[in-house]
Protein backbone atom coordinates (compact mmCIF):
# COMPACT_ATOMS: atom_id res chain seq x y z
CA UNK A 1 109.45 11.21 2.13
CA UNK A 2 110.91 13.61 4.66
CA UNK A 3 108.61 14.24 7.59
CA UNK A 4 109.11 17.77 8.87
CA UNK A 5 107.15 20.21 11.01
CA UNK A 6 105.73 17.58 13.36
CA UNK A 7 105.14 17.91 17.09
CA UNK A 8 106.72 15.17 19.22
CA UNK A 9 106.80 14.73 22.98
CA UNK A 10 109.69 13.46 25.11
CA UNK A 11 110.62 13.57 28.77
CA UNK A 12 113.97 15.33 28.29
CA UNK A 13 112.20 18.54 27.23
CA UNK A 14 110.90 20.51 30.21
CA UNK A 15 109.82 24.06 30.89
CA UNK A 16 111.89 24.52 34.05
CA UNK A 17 114.78 26.07 32.11
CA UNK A 18 113.08 27.37 28.98
CA UNK A 19 109.89 27.20 26.96
CA UNK A 20 109.45 23.42 27.03
CA UNK A 21 109.54 23.43 23.20
CA UNK A 22 112.60 22.51 21.15
CA UNK A 23 113.29 21.62 17.54
CA UNK A 24 114.64 18.19 16.68
CA UNK A 25 117.64 17.74 14.37
CA UNK A 26 118.47 14.02 14.28
CA UNK A 27 121.93 14.51 12.73
CA UNK A 28 123.01 16.85 15.53
CA UNK A 29 122.28 15.22 18.86
CA UNK A 30 121.66 11.88 20.56
CA UNK A 31 118.33 12.94 22.11
CA UNK A 32 117.16 14.46 18.82
CA UNK A 33 118.05 11.27 16.98
CA UNK A 34 116.35 9.05 19.58
CA UNK A 35 113.14 11.11 19.55
CA UNK A 36 112.98 11.19 15.74
CA UNK A 37 113.48 7.40 15.61
CA UNK A 38 110.76 6.84 18.22
CA UNK A 39 108.29 9.02 16.31
CA UNK A 40 109.02 7.55 12.87
CA UNK A 41 110.56 10.71 11.46
CA UNK A 42 113.71 8.77 10.56
CA UNK A 43 114.48 5.05 10.44
CA UNK A 44 117.57 3.38 11.83
CA UNK A 45 120.18 2.99 9.10
CA UNK A 46 118.18 5.23 6.77
CA UNK A 47 118.50 8.77 5.51
CA UNK A 48 119.12 11.40 8.20
CA UNK A 49 118.44 14.96 7.06
CA UNK A 50 121.59 17.02 7.46
CA UNK A 51 121.28 20.34 5.64
CA UNK A 52 124.57 21.74 7.00
CA UNK A 53 127.80 21.67 4.97
CA UNK A 54 131.31 21.38 6.39
CA UNK A 55 131.54 25.18 6.77
CA UNK A 56 128.40 25.35 8.95
CA UNK A 57 126.20 26.76 6.18
CA UNK A 58 122.79 25.52 5.07
CA UNK A 59 122.82 23.59 1.78
CA UNK A 60 120.28 22.97 -1.00
CA UNK A 61 118.13 20.66 1.18
CA UNK A 62 116.54 23.80 2.65
CA UNK A 63 116.42 25.92 -0.50
CA UNK A 64 112.63 26.19 -0.22
CA UNK A 65 112.93 28.49 2.81
CA UNK A 66 115.69 30.68 1.38
CA UNK A 67 118.57 29.96 3.75
CA UNK A 68 120.97 28.15 1.42
CA UNK A 69 124.52 29.39 1.98
CA UNK A 70 123.69 31.11 5.28
CA UNK A 71 125.70 30.11 8.38
CA UNK A 72 123.56 28.34 10.98
CA UNK A 73 124.27 31.05 13.55
CA UNK A 74 122.99 33.74 11.17
CA UNK A 75 119.85 32.04 9.84
CA UNK A 76 117.47 32.41 12.80
CA UNK A 77 115.72 35.54 11.52
CA UNK A 78 114.81 33.95 8.17
CA UNK A 79 113.72 30.70 9.84
CA UNK A 80 111.48 32.62 12.25
CA UNK A 81 109.96 34.58 9.33
CA UNK A 82 109.24 31.35 7.46
CA UNK A 83 107.64 29.69 10.49
CA UNK A 84 105.53 32.79 11.07
CA UNK A 85 104.35 32.78 7.42
CA UNK A 86 103.44 29.10 7.79
CA UNK A 87 101.52 29.92 10.99
CA UNK A 88 103.71 27.45 12.89
CA UNK A 89 105.61 29.87 15.10
CA UNK A 90 104.88 29.15 18.76
CA UNK A 91 107.09 31.82 20.30
CA UNK A 92 110.05 34.01 19.38
CA UNK A 93 112.13 34.80 22.43
CA UNK A 94 115.81 34.82 23.26
CA UNK A 95 116.99 32.67 26.13
CA UNK A 96 120.49 32.89 27.55
CA UNK A 97 121.99 29.44 27.98
CA UNK A 98 125.37 27.78 27.86
CA UNK A 99 126.74 26.85 24.46
CA UNK A 100 129.97 25.04 23.55
CA UNK A 101 132.77 27.08 21.97
CA UNK A 102 136.08 26.02 20.48
CA UNK A 103 138.83 26.61 23.04
CA UNK A 104 141.24 27.61 20.27
CA UNK A 105 139.20 29.97 18.10
CA UNK A 106 136.38 30.92 20.50
CA UNK A 107 133.85 30.14 17.75
CA UNK A 108 130.60 28.20 18.31
CA UNK A 109 130.86 24.44 17.90
CA UNK A 110 128.36 22.55 15.78
CA UNK A 111 127.84 18.89 16.65
CA UNK A 112 127.23 17.00 13.44
CA UNK A 113 126.68 13.39 12.43
CA UNK A 114 129.55 11.98 10.39
CA UNK A 115 129.86 8.62 8.63
CA UNK A 116 130.79 6.01 11.22
CA UNK A 117 131.29 2.30 11.69
CA UNK A 118 129.03 0.63 14.26
CA UNK A 119 128.98 -2.72 16.02
CA UNK A 120 125.37 -3.97 15.92
CA UNK A 121 125.15 -4.61 19.66
CA UNK A 122 121.36 -4.24 19.78
CA UNK A 123 120.89 -7.28 17.53
CA UNK A 124 122.87 -9.54 19.91
CA UNK A 125 121.87 -7.94 23.20
CA UNK A 126 119.91 -10.99 24.43
CA UNK A 127 122.92 -13.26 23.87
CA UNK A 128 125.28 -10.83 25.59
CA UNK A 129 123.02 -10.60 28.64
CA UNK A 130 122.70 -14.42 28.74
CA UNK A 131 126.47 -14.83 28.56
CA UNK A 132 126.90 -12.33 31.37
CA UNK A 133 124.79 -14.67 33.52
CA UNK A 134 127.31 -17.47 32.86
CA UNK A 135 130.32 -15.32 33.79
CA UNK A 136 131.94 -15.41 37.23
CA UNK A 137 132.40 -11.80 38.38
CA UNK A 138 134.55 -10.42 41.19
CA UNK A 139 133.07 -8.54 42.87
CA UNK A 140 129.78 -10.33 42.25
CA UNK A 141 127.58 -7.21 42.31
CA UNK A 142 129.07 -6.12 38.97
CA UNK A 143 127.29 -9.04 37.31
CA UNK A 144 123.85 -8.09 38.67
CA UNK A 145 124.08 -4.31 38.85
CA UNK A 146 126.41 -2.00 36.97
CA UNK A 147 127.55 -4.23 34.09
CA UNK A 148 124.21 -5.98 33.62
CA UNK A 149 122.40 -2.63 33.56
CA UNK A 150 124.85 -1.40 30.94
CA UNK A 151 124.31 -4.52 28.81
CA UNK A 152 120.53 -4.44 29.07
CA UNK A 153 120.51 -0.80 27.91
CA UNK A 154 123.32 -1.14 25.34
CA UNK A 155 122.98 0.65 22.02
CA UNK A 156 124.83 -0.02 18.81
CA UNK A 157 128.44 0.92 19.47
CA UNK A 158 130.18 3.56 17.35
CA UNK A 159 133.78 2.46 16.90
CA UNK A 160 134.81 5.24 14.50
CA UNK A 161 136.55 8.32 15.82
CA UNK A 162 136.72 11.69 14.09
CA UNK A 163 138.01 14.69 15.97
């Protein structure tokens, strides 16, 4: 079952440039996805809630809060009302911050998960690191520093491209 309306903690959220509270949308950002995985909200390779259609409008997955068909940039008022009714609204303020816009149309961009092919690097990470130890590197510091650090922290590699 979908686990929504949970409080999670992570180090990337701070109060030095805002409230220190953010929502998590695992289909729309790497940090959001990582935090939701770590807290058991989603599972790797499993269903990722994505209630936004290709036109940037909420779909039937969120019909219970009455925002189906509304563009994500126009739904805030209804979402705030719903959270207030549920007694889960922490604060309702506007903060000015940078946001990405399309250079052609000057419209807000929405980052969205799309179907992708991945190389399962995490499942072979130990072997890759071991093979790095057997490799002769020039300069030698690459073996012990930059490349090794990258291998040790490697995630599954998305090889699909969609732009």
